[in-house]
């Protein structure tokens, strides 16, 4: 496992988009029975999962880090998501955006991550909440999450995917 100070940073616009960590919420909407703004403390009440995950960058590097959070499936269950929907879309504080197919979201190792290497996520690594997706290439693991929509329609596939990169990009 790579030490935290050697875990590379890749950012879209900035290493810190200035999220107000005290008032942050994750907006959950779309095909869910309990839409709303979910606080980090509420998300942290869900069963915690810790795992070592290999993060593979499209640029050719990879590292293993220690991450903790909740399974995406746990938040979907809390929100009453219709898991027959095909996609999840994510919005981020830095205007990045991403999407996943529902089977990837339901994978037991797909996390909404709030801790890294035994401590809360740093701003540079996506605080307060980011995706960790061991079955996908690194650009799918969006940082600074602010919204999650359960849907059957993809208006935007993902920032890099809309530039021509692979949408599915499984490992």
N, C-alpha and C. Protein backbone atom coordinates (compact mmCIF):
# COMPACT_ATOMS: atom_id res chain seq x y z
N UNK A 1 0.84 -1.17 0.00
CA UNK A 1 0.00 0.00 0.00
C UNK A 1 0.89 1.24 0.00
N UNK A 2 0.53 2.19 -0.83
CA UNK A 2 1.31 3.42 -0.93
C UNK A 2 0.96 4.33 0.26
N UNK A 3 1.94 4.98 0.88
CA UNK A 3 1.65 5.94 1.94
C UNK A 3 0.79 7.09 1.40
N UNK A 4 -0.03 7.65 2.27
CA UNK A 4 -0.94 8.71 1.86
C UNK A 4 -0.22 9.88 1.18
N UNK A 5 0.95 10.24 1.69
CA UNK A 5 1.65 11.40 1.11
C UNK A 5 2.23 11.10 -0.28
N UNK A 6 2.18 9.83 -0.70
CA UNK A 6 2.65 9.48 -2.04
C UNK A 6 1.50 9.04 -2.95
N UNK A 7 0.26 9.13 -2.46
CA UNK A 7 -0.90 8.80 -3.30
C UNK A 7 -1.11 9.98 -4.24
N UNK A 8 -1.01 9.76 -5.56
CA UNK A 8 -1.10 10.87 -6.51
C UNK A 8 -2.44 11.61 -6.45
N UNK A 9 -2.38 12.88 -6.79
CA UNK A 9 -3.58 13.70 -6.90
C UNK A 9 -3.86 13.98 -8.37
N UNK A 10 -5.07 13.72 -8.77
CA UNK A 10 -5.53 14.13 -10.09
C UNK A 10 -6.83 14.88 -9.87
N UNK A 11 -6.90 16.08 -10.35
CA UNK A 11 -8.08 16.90 -10.14
C UNK A 11 -8.58 17.43 -11.47
N UNK A 12 -9.84 17.80 -11.48
CA UNK A 12 -10.47 18.33 -12.68
C UNK A 12 -10.14 19.82 -12.81
N UNK A 13 -10.62 20.64 -11.89
CA UNK A 13 -10.35 22.08 -11.94
C UNK A 13 -9.35 22.53 -10.89
N UNK A 14 -9.45 21.94 -9.69
CA UNK A 14 -8.58 22.34 -8.58
C UNK A 14 -8.51 21.20 -7.59
N UNK A 15 -7.42 21.17 -6.80
CA UNK A 15 -7.29 20.16 -5.76
C UNK A 15 -8.24 20.42 -4.60
N UNK A 16 -8.85 21.59 -4.54
CA UNK A 16 -9.81 21.91 -3.49
C UNK A 16 -10.81 22.91 -4.03
N UNK A 17 -12.02 22.45 -4.38
CA UNK A 17 -13.02 23.38 -4.92
C UNK A 17 -13.72 24.21 -3.84
N UNK A 18 -13.25 24.12 -2.60
CA UNK A 18 -13.79 24.99 -1.55
C UNK A 18 -15.12 24.55 -0.98
N UNK A 19 -15.36 23.26 -0.88
CA UNK A 19 -16.61 22.75 -0.31
C UNK A 19 -16.73 23.19 1.15
N UNK A 20 -17.89 23.71 1.52
CA UNK A 20 -18.16 24.04 2.92
C UNK A 20 -18.50 22.73 3.62
N UNK A 21 -17.53 22.16 4.32
CA UNK A 21 -17.71 20.84 4.91
C UNK A 21 -18.76 20.83 6.01
N UNK A 22 -19.02 21.97 6.65
CA UNK A 22 -20.01 22.02 7.74
C UNK A 22 -21.44 21.98 7.24
N UNK A 23 -21.69 22.48 6.04
CA UNK A 23 -23.06 22.52 5.52
C UNK A 23 -23.29 21.57 4.34
N UNK A 24 -22.29 20.78 3.99
CA UNK A 24 -22.36 19.89 2.83
C UNK A 24 -23.48 18.86 2.98
N UNK A 25 -24.15 18.59 1.87
CA UNK A 25 -25.11 17.48 1.78
C UNK A 25 -24.97 16.85 0.40
N UNK A 26 -25.43 15.61 0.31
CA UNK A 26 -25.51 14.91 -0.97
C UNK A 26 -26.97 14.90 -1.37
N UNK A 27 -27.28 15.55 -2.48
CA UNK A 27 -28.65 15.59 -3.00
C UNK A 27 -28.92 14.28 -3.73
N UNK A 28 -29.92 13.52 -3.28
CA UNK A 28 -30.29 12.25 -3.90
C UNK A 28 -31.69 12.42 -4.50
N UNK A 29 -31.81 12.11 -5.80
CA UNK A 29 -33.11 12.28 -6.45
C UNK A 29 -33.27 11.30 -7.61
N UNK A 30 -34.31 11.51 -8.37
CA UNK A 30 -34.61 10.61 -9.49
C UNK A 30 -35.55 9.52 -9.05
N UNK A 31 -35.28 8.30 -9.48
CA UNK A 31 -36.15 7.15 -9.20
C UNK A 31 -35.89 6.61 -7.79
N UNK A 32 -36.25 7.45 -6.80
CA UNK A 32 -36.11 7.08 -5.39
C UNK A 32 -37.39 7.47 -4.66
N UNK A 33 -37.73 6.72 -3.60
CA UNK A 33 -38.94 7.05 -2.84
C UNK A 33 -38.67 8.05 -1.72
N UNK A 34 -37.40 8.27 -1.38
CA UNK A 34 -37.05 9.23 -0.32
C UNK A 34 -35.98 10.19 -0.83
N UNK A 35 -36.36 11.05 -1.80
CA UNK A 35 -35.37 12.02 -2.28
C UNK A 35 -35.05 13.03 -1.18
N UNK A 36 -33.91 13.64 -1.29
CA UNK A 36 -33.57 14.68 -0.32
C UNK A 36 -32.09 14.92 -0.22
N UNK A 37 -31.76 15.73 0.76
CA UNK A 37 -30.37 16.09 1.03
C UNK A 37 -29.88 15.24 2.20
N UNK A 38 -28.90 14.39 1.95
CA UNK A 38 -28.37 13.49 2.94
C UNK A 38 -27.07 14.06 3.50
N UNK A 39 -27.00 14.24 4.82
CA UNK A 39 -25.80 14.77 5.46
C UNK A 39 -24.74 13.68 5.57
N UNK A 40 -23.50 14.11 5.76
CA UNK A 40 -22.42 13.16 5.94
C UNK A 40 -22.64 12.33 7.20
N UNK A 41 -23.15 12.93 8.25
CA UNK A 41 -23.39 12.16 9.48
C UNK A 41 -24.44 11.08 9.24
N UNK A 42 -25.45 11.37 8.45
CA UNK A 42 -26.47 10.35 8.13
C UNK A 42 -25.87 9.24 7.28
N UNK A 43 -25.04 9.59 6.32
CA UNK A 43 -24.38 8.57 5.48
C UNK A 43 -23.44 7.73 6.34
N UNK A 44 -22.74 8.35 7.28
CA UNK A 44 -21.83 7.61 8.16
C UNK A 44 -22.55 6.64 9.09
N UNK A 45 -23.86 6.80 9.28
CA UNK A 45 -24.63 5.87 10.12
C UNK A 45 -24.86 4.53 9.42
N UNK A 46 -24.70 4.49 8.11
CA UNK A 46 -24.86 3.23 7.37
C UNK A 46 -23.69 2.31 7.68
N UNK A 47 -23.83 1.01 7.43
CA UNK A 47 -22.72 0.09 7.73
C UNK A 47 -21.43 0.49 7.00
N UNK A 48 -20.38 0.62 7.77
CA UNK A 48 -19.07 1.06 7.25
C UNK A 48 -18.33 -0.13 6.65
N UNK A 49 -17.70 0.12 5.51
CA UNK A 49 -16.88 -0.88 4.83
C UNK A 49 -15.49 -0.29 4.66
N UNK A 50 -14.48 -1.08 5.00
CA UNK A 50 -13.10 -0.65 4.78
C UNK A 50 -12.46 -1.65 3.83
N UNK A 51 -11.72 -1.13 2.85
CA UNK A 51 -11.08 -2.02 1.88
C UNK A 51 -9.82 -1.36 1.32
N UNK A 52 -8.89 -2.21 0.94
CA UNK A 52 -7.73 -1.76 0.18
C UNK A 52 -8.10 -1.88 -1.28
N UNK A 53 -7.89 -0.81 -2.01
CA UNK A 53 -8.34 -0.75 -3.40
C UNK A 53 -7.20 -0.28 -4.29
N UNK A 54 -7.05 -0.95 -5.40
CA UNK A 54 -6.09 -0.53 -6.42
C UNK A 54 -6.77 0.52 -7.29
N UNK A 55 -6.16 1.68 -7.35
CA UNK A 55 -6.66 2.79 -8.16
C UNK A 55 -5.80 2.82 -9.43
N UNK A 56 -6.43 2.61 -10.58
CA UNK A 56 -5.73 2.53 -11.85
C UNK A 56 -6.06 3.77 -12.67
N UNK A 57 -5.03 4.55 -13.00
CA UNK A 57 -5.23 5.77 -13.78
C UNK A 57 -5.05 5.49 -15.27
N UNK A 58 -5.84 6.14 -16.07
CA UNK A 58 -5.73 6.02 -17.51
C UNK A 58 -4.38 6.53 -18.02
N UNK A 59 -3.70 7.34 -17.21
CA UNK A 59 -2.38 7.87 -17.58
C UNK A 59 -1.27 6.83 -17.46
N UNK A 60 -1.57 5.66 -16.89
CA UNK A 60 -0.60 4.59 -16.84
C UNK A 60 -0.06 4.25 -15.46
N UNK A 61 -0.42 4.97 -14.43
CA UNK A 61 0.05 4.64 -13.09
C UNK A 61 -1.06 3.97 -12.29
N UNK A 62 -0.66 3.26 -11.25
CA UNK A 62 -1.64 2.69 -10.33
C UNK A 62 -1.03 2.62 -8.94
N UNK A 63 -1.89 2.71 -7.92
CA UNK A 63 -1.49 2.63 -6.52
C UNK A 63 -2.58 1.92 -5.73
N UNK A 64 -2.20 1.40 -4.59
CA UNK A 64 -3.17 0.78 -3.69
C UNK A 64 -3.33 1.69 -2.48
N UNK A 65 -4.58 1.98 -2.13
CA UNK A 65 -4.88 2.81 -0.98
C UNK A 65 -5.88 2.13 -0.08
N UNK A 66 -5.96 2.62 1.14
CA UNK A 66 -6.92 2.12 2.12
C UNK A 66 -8.09 3.10 2.19
N UNK A 67 -9.28 2.63 1.91
CA UNK A 67 -10.46 3.48 1.84
C UNK A 67 -11.57 2.92 2.72
N UNK A 68 -12.40 3.80 3.24
CA UNK A 68 -13.57 3.37 4.01
C UNK A 68 -14.74 4.27 3.66
N UNK A 69 -15.91 3.70 3.72
CA UNK A 69 -17.13 4.42 3.43
C UNK A 69 -18.30 3.47 3.53
N UNK A 70 -19.31 3.72 2.72
CA UNK A 70 -20.49 2.85 2.70
C UNK A 70 -20.69 2.35 1.28
N UNK A 71 -21.25 1.17 1.19
CA UNK A 71 -21.57 0.66 -0.14
C UNK A 71 -22.60 1.58 -0.78
N UNK A 72 -22.43 1.84 -2.06
CA UNK A 72 -23.42 2.66 -2.78
C UNK A 72 -24.80 2.02 -2.62
N UNK A 73 -24.84 0.70 -2.63
CA UNK A 73 -26.11 -0.02 -2.49
C UNK A 73 -26.80 0.30 -1.17
N UNK A 74 -26.06 0.56 -0.10
CA UNK A 74 -26.66 0.89 1.19
C UNK A 74 -27.37 2.24 1.13
N UNK A 75 -26.75 3.22 0.49
CA UNK A 75 -27.41 4.52 0.35
C UNK A 75 -28.62 4.40 -0.58
N UNK A 76 -28.49 3.61 -1.63
CA UNK A 76 -29.63 3.42 -2.53
C UNK A 76 -30.80 2.80 -1.79
N UNK A 77 -30.53 1.83 -0.90
CA UNK A 77 -31.60 1.21 -0.11
C UNK A 77 -32.23 2.24 0.83
N UNK A 78 -31.40 3.06 1.49
CA UNK A 78 -31.92 4.09 2.39
C UNK A 78 -32.84 5.06 1.64
N UNK A 79 -32.45 5.42 0.44
CA UNK A 79 -33.22 6.38 -0.36
C UNK A 79 -34.40 5.73 -1.08
N UNK A 80 -34.54 4.42 -0.97
CA UNK A 80 -35.63 3.73 -1.65
C UNK A 80 -35.47 3.76 -3.16
N UNK A 81 -34.26 3.55 -3.62
CA UNK A 81 -33.99 3.61 -5.06
C UNK A 81 -34.63 2.44 -5.79
N UNK A 82 -35.09 2.70 -6.99
CA UNK A 82 -35.57 1.66 -7.89
C UNK A 82 -34.33 1.09 -8.59
N UNK A 83 -33.85 -0.04 -8.12
CA UNK A 83 -32.62 -0.61 -8.67
C UNK A 83 -32.86 -1.27 -10.03
N UNK A 84 -34.09 -1.20 -10.53
CA UNK A 84 -34.33 -1.61 -11.92
C UNK A 84 -33.94 -0.49 -12.88
N UNK A 85 -33.73 0.72 -12.34
CA UNK A 85 -33.25 1.83 -13.17
C UNK A 85 -31.88 1.45 -13.72
N UNK A 86 -31.51 2.01 -14.83
CA UNK A 86 -30.29 1.59 -15.52
C UNK A 86 -29.02 2.30 -15.06
N UNK A 87 -29.16 3.53 -14.55
CA UNK A 87 -27.97 4.34 -14.31
C UNK A 87 -28.04 5.14 -13.02
N UNK A 88 -26.87 5.55 -12.57
CA UNK A 88 -26.71 6.58 -11.55
C UNK A 88 -25.86 7.66 -12.18
N UNK A 89 -26.23 8.90 -11.95
CA UNK A 89 -25.39 10.02 -12.37
C UNK A 89 -24.95 10.77 -11.12
N UNK A 90 -23.75 11.33 -11.18
CA UNK A 90 -23.17 12.04 -10.05
C UNK A 90 -22.75 13.43 -10.48
N UNK A 91 -23.02 14.40 -9.64
CA UNK A 91 -22.51 15.75 -9.83
C UNK A 91 -21.52 16.03 -8.72
N UNK A 92 -20.61 16.96 -8.99
CA UNK A 92 -19.50 17.24 -8.08
C UNK A 92 -19.34 18.74 -7.88
N UNK A 93 -18.74 19.11 -6.77
CA UNK A 93 -18.56 20.53 -6.42
C UNK A 93 -17.67 21.27 -7.40
N UNK A 94 -16.81 20.54 -8.11
CA UNK A 94 -15.91 21.20 -9.06
C UNK A 94 -16.44 21.15 -10.50
N UNK A 95 -17.73 20.87 -10.66
CA UNK A 95 -18.41 20.78 -11.95
C UNK A 95 -18.08 19.52 -12.74
N UNK A 96 -17.29 18.62 -12.18
CA UNK A 96 -17.07 17.30 -12.78
C UNK A 96 -18.38 16.55 -12.69
N UNK A 97 -18.56 15.57 -13.54
CA UNK A 97 -19.76 14.73 -13.49
C UNK A 97 -19.39 13.35 -13.98
N UNK A 98 -20.16 12.37 -13.52
CA UNK A 98 -19.86 10.98 -13.86
C UNK A 98 -21.15 10.17 -13.83
N UNK A 99 -21.12 8.98 -14.41
CA UNK A 99 -22.27 8.08 -14.37
C UNK A 99 -21.79 6.64 -14.26
N UNK A 100 -22.66 5.81 -13.74
CA UNK A 100 -22.39 4.37 -13.61
C UNK A 100 -23.60 3.59 -14.07
N UNK A 101 -23.36 2.38 -14.54
CA UNK A 101 -24.46 1.46 -14.77
C UNK A 101 -24.88 0.90 -13.40
N UNK A 102 -26.14 0.49 -13.26
CA UNK A 102 -26.63 0.03 -11.97
C UNK A 102 -25.86 -1.19 -11.45
N UNK A 103 -25.52 -2.19 -12.29
CA UNK A 103 -24.75 -3.32 -11.72
C UNK A 103 -23.42 -2.89 -11.09
N UNK A 104 -22.73 -1.92 -11.67
CA UNK A 104 -21.50 -1.42 -11.06
C UNK A 104 -21.80 -0.75 -9.73
N UNK A 105 -22.85 0.06 -9.69
CA UNK A 105 -23.22 0.73 -8.44
C UNK A 105 -23.55 -0.27 -7.34
N UNK A 106 -24.16 -1.39 -7.70
CA UNK A 106 -24.57 -2.38 -6.72
C UNK A 106 -23.46 -3.35 -6.34
N UNK A 107 -22.32 -3.28 -7.01
CA UNK A 107 -21.20 -4.16 -6.68
C UNK A 107 -20.79 -3.91 -5.22
N UNK A 108 -20.54 -4.98 -4.46
CA UNK A 108 -20.26 -4.80 -3.03
C UNK A 108 -19.00 -3.99 -2.71
N UNK A 109 -18.10 -3.82 -3.65
CA UNK A 109 -16.90 -3.02 -3.41
C UNK A 109 -17.02 -1.59 -3.93
N UNK A 110 -18.17 -1.22 -4.51
CA UNK A 110 -18.39 0.15 -4.97
C UNK A 110 -18.80 1.00 -3.78
N UNK A 111 -17.95 1.97 -3.43
CA UNK A 111 -18.16 2.74 -2.20
C UNK A 111 -18.39 4.22 -2.44
N UNK A 112 -19.16 4.79 -1.53
CA UNK A 112 -19.17 6.22 -1.29
C UNK A 112 -18.19 6.40 -0.14
N UNK A 113 -17.03 6.92 -0.44
CA UNK A 113 -15.88 6.92 0.47
C UNK A 113 -15.78 8.24 1.23
N UNK A 114 -15.59 8.14 2.56
CA UNK A 114 -15.38 9.33 3.38
C UNK A 114 -14.10 9.28 4.20
N UNK A 115 -13.42 8.13 4.23
CA UNK A 115 -12.15 8.00 4.95
C UNK A 115 -11.09 7.41 4.02
N UNK A 116 -9.85 7.83 4.24
CA UNK A 116 -8.73 7.31 3.46
C UNK A 116 -7.54 7.16 4.39
N UNK A 117 -6.95 5.99 4.40
CA UNK A 117 -5.81 5.70 5.27
C UNK A 117 -6.13 6.01 6.73
N UNK A 118 -7.33 5.65 7.18
CA UNK A 118 -7.70 5.77 8.58
C UNK A 118 -8.10 7.14 9.07
N UNK A 119 -8.27 8.09 8.17
CA UNK A 119 -8.64 9.45 8.57
C UNK A 119 -9.68 9.98 7.57
N UNK A 120 -10.44 11.00 7.97
CA UNK A 120 -11.39 11.59 7.02
C UNK A 120 -10.66 12.01 5.74
N UNK A 121 -11.34 11.88 4.61
CA UNK A 121 -10.77 12.31 3.34
C UNK A 121 -10.24 13.73 3.44
N UNK A 122 -9.09 13.95 2.88
CA UNK A 122 -8.57 15.32 2.78
C UNK A 122 -9.30 16.02 1.63
N UNK A 123 -9.22 17.31 1.64
CA UNK A 123 -9.84 18.07 0.54
C UNK A 123 -9.26 17.66 -0.80
N UNK A 124 -7.94 17.46 -0.86
CA UNK A 124 -7.30 17.11 -2.12
C UNK A 124 -7.76 15.75 -2.67
N UNK A 125 -8.16 14.86 -1.77
CA UNK A 125 -8.57 13.53 -2.20
C UNK A 125 -10.09 13.39 -2.31
N UNK A 126 -10.82 14.52 -2.24
CA UNK A 126 -12.24 14.48 -2.56
C UNK A 126 -13.22 14.74 -1.45
N UNK A 127 -12.77 15.27 -0.31
CA UNK A 127 -13.67 15.52 0.82
C UNK A 127 -14.87 16.36 0.41
N UNK A 128 -15.99 16.03 0.99
CA UNK A 128 -16.19 15.06 2.05
C UNK A 128 -16.56 13.65 1.57
N UNK A 129 -16.89 13.49 0.29
CA UNK A 129 -17.35 12.19 -0.20
C UNK A 129 -16.95 12.01 -1.65
N UNK A 130 -16.43 10.83 -1.94
CA UNK A 130 -16.02 10.49 -3.31
C UNK A 130 -16.40 9.06 -3.62
N UNK A 131 -16.32 8.71 -4.89
CA UNK A 131 -16.53 7.33 -5.31
C UNK A 131 -15.21 6.56 -5.23
N UNK A 132 -15.29 5.31 -4.86
CA UNK A 132 -14.18 4.36 -4.97
C UNK A 132 -14.75 3.14 -5.69
N UNK A 133 -14.19 2.85 -6.87
CA UNK A 133 -14.74 1.82 -7.76
C UNK A 133 -13.63 0.88 -8.22
N UNK A 134 -13.35 -0.19 -7.47
CA UNK A 134 -12.25 -1.08 -7.83
C UNK A 134 -12.41 -1.78 -9.18
N UNK A 135 -13.62 -1.81 -9.71
CA UNK A 135 -13.84 -2.49 -11.00
C UNK A 135 -13.76 -1.54 -12.19
N UNK A 136 -13.42 -0.28 -11.93
CA UNK A 136 -13.40 0.74 -13.00
C UNK A 136 -12.08 1.51 -13.02
N UNK A 137 -11.82 2.14 -14.13
CA UNK A 137 -10.67 3.02 -14.29
C UNK A 137 -10.84 4.23 -13.37
N UNK A 138 -9.73 4.87 -13.01
CA UNK A 138 -9.73 5.93 -12.01
C UNK A 138 -10.64 7.11 -12.28
N UNK A 139 -10.79 7.54 -13.53
CA UNK A 139 -11.61 8.74 -13.77
C UNK A 139 -13.07 8.53 -13.45
N UNK A 140 -13.50 7.28 -13.24
CA UNK A 140 -14.88 7.01 -12.82
C UNK A 140 -15.08 7.31 -11.33
N UNK A 141 -13.99 7.35 -10.55
CA UNK A 141 -14.08 7.57 -9.10
C UNK A 141 -14.12 9.07 -8.79
N UNK A 142 -15.23 9.68 -9.12
CA UNK A 142 -15.41 11.13 -8.96
C UNK A 142 -15.24 11.58 -7.52
N UNK A 143 -14.69 12.79 -7.37
CA UNK A 143 -14.45 13.40 -6.06
C UNK A 143 -15.45 14.53 -5.82
N UNK A 144 -15.53 14.97 -4.56
CA UNK A 144 -16.34 16.13 -4.16
C UNK A 144 -17.82 15.97 -4.53
N UNK A 145 -18.37 14.79 -4.28
CA UNK A 145 -19.75 14.52 -4.70
C UNK A 145 -20.73 15.49 -4.05
N UNK A 146 -21.71 15.94 -4.85
CA UNK A 146 -22.78 16.79 -4.34
C UNK A 146 -24.16 16.26 -4.72
N UNK A 147 -24.23 15.39 -5.73
CA UNK A 147 -25.53 14.89 -6.15
C UNK A 147 -25.45 13.50 -6.73
N UNK A 148 -26.53 12.74 -6.52
CA UNK A 148 -26.68 11.39 -7.06
C UNK A 148 -28.10 11.28 -7.59
N UNK A 149 -28.24 10.92 -8.85
CA UNK A 149 -29.56 10.75 -9.47
C UNK A 149 -29.68 9.34 -10.00
N UNK A 150 -30.78 8.69 -9.67
CA UNK A 150 -31.10 7.37 -10.19
C UNK A 150 -32.00 7.59 -11.40
N UNK A 151 -31.62 7.03 -12.55
CA UNK A 151 -32.32 7.37 -13.79
C UNK A 151 -32.24 6.26 -14.83
N UNK A 152 -33.06 6.37 -15.84
CA UNK A 152 -33.00 5.50 -17.01
C UNK A 152 -32.46 6.22 -18.23
N UNK A 153 -32.16 7.50 -18.08
CA UNK A 153 -31.72 8.33 -19.21
C UNK A 153 -30.40 9.00 -18.85
N UNK A 154 -29.43 8.89 -19.74
CA UNK A 154 -28.15 9.57 -19.54
C UNK A 154 -28.09 10.80 -20.44
N UNK A 155 -28.21 11.97 -19.84
CA UNK A 155 -28.06 13.20 -20.61
C UNK A 155 -26.58 13.48 -20.85
N UNK A 156 -25.78 13.21 -19.83
CA UNK A 156 -24.33 13.35 -19.90
C UNK A 156 -23.75 12.07 -19.33
N UNK A 157 -22.77 11.50 -20.01
CA UNK A 157 -22.22 10.21 -19.57
C UNK A 157 -21.14 10.37 -18.53
N UNK A 158 -20.32 11.36 -18.64
CA UNK A 158 -19.22 11.63 -17.73
C UNK A 158 -18.31 12.64 -18.40
N UNK A 159 -17.58 13.39 -17.60
CA UNK A 159 -16.75 14.43 -18.20
C UNK A 159 -15.79 13.85 -19.24
N UNK A 160 -14.99 12.85 -18.86
CA UNK A 160 -14.02 12.30 -19.82
C UNK A 160 -14.70 11.49 -20.90
N UNK A 161 -15.77 10.81 -20.57
CA UNK A 161 -16.49 10.03 -21.56
C UNK A 161 -17.08 10.92 -22.65
N UNK A 162 -17.54 12.11 -22.26
CA UNK A 162 -18.06 13.06 -23.24
C UNK A 162 -16.95 13.68 -24.09
N UNK A 163 -15.69 13.42 -23.73
CA UNK A 163 -14.54 13.85 -24.53
C UNK A 163 -14.03 12.70 -25.41
N UNK A 164 -14.71 11.54 -25.36
CA UNK A 164 -14.33 10.42 -26.21
C UNK A 164 -13.75 9.21 -25.49
N UNK A 165 -13.54 9.31 -24.19
CA UNK A 165 -13.02 8.17 -23.43
C UNK A 165 -14.12 7.11 -23.25
N UNK A 166 -13.70 5.90 -22.93
CA UNK A 166 -14.65 4.79 -22.74
C UNK A 166 -15.60 5.06 -21.58
N UNK A 167 -16.89 4.79 -21.78
CA UNK A 167 -17.87 4.98 -20.71
C UNK A 167 -17.81 3.84 -19.72
N UNK A 168 -17.75 2.61 -20.15
CA UNK A 168 -17.80 1.46 -19.23
C UNK A 168 -16.46 1.24 -18.54
N UNK A 169 -15.38 1.23 -19.23
CA UNK A 169 -14.00 1.04 -18.82
C UNK A 169 -13.83 0.18 -17.57
N UNK A 170 -14.21 -1.08 -17.69
CA UNK A 170 -14.03 -2.03 -16.60
C UNK A 170 -12.62 -2.55 -16.55
N UNK A 171 -12.20 -2.91 -15.36
CA UNK A 171 -10.86 -3.47 -15.15
C UNK A 171 -10.94 -4.98 -15.02
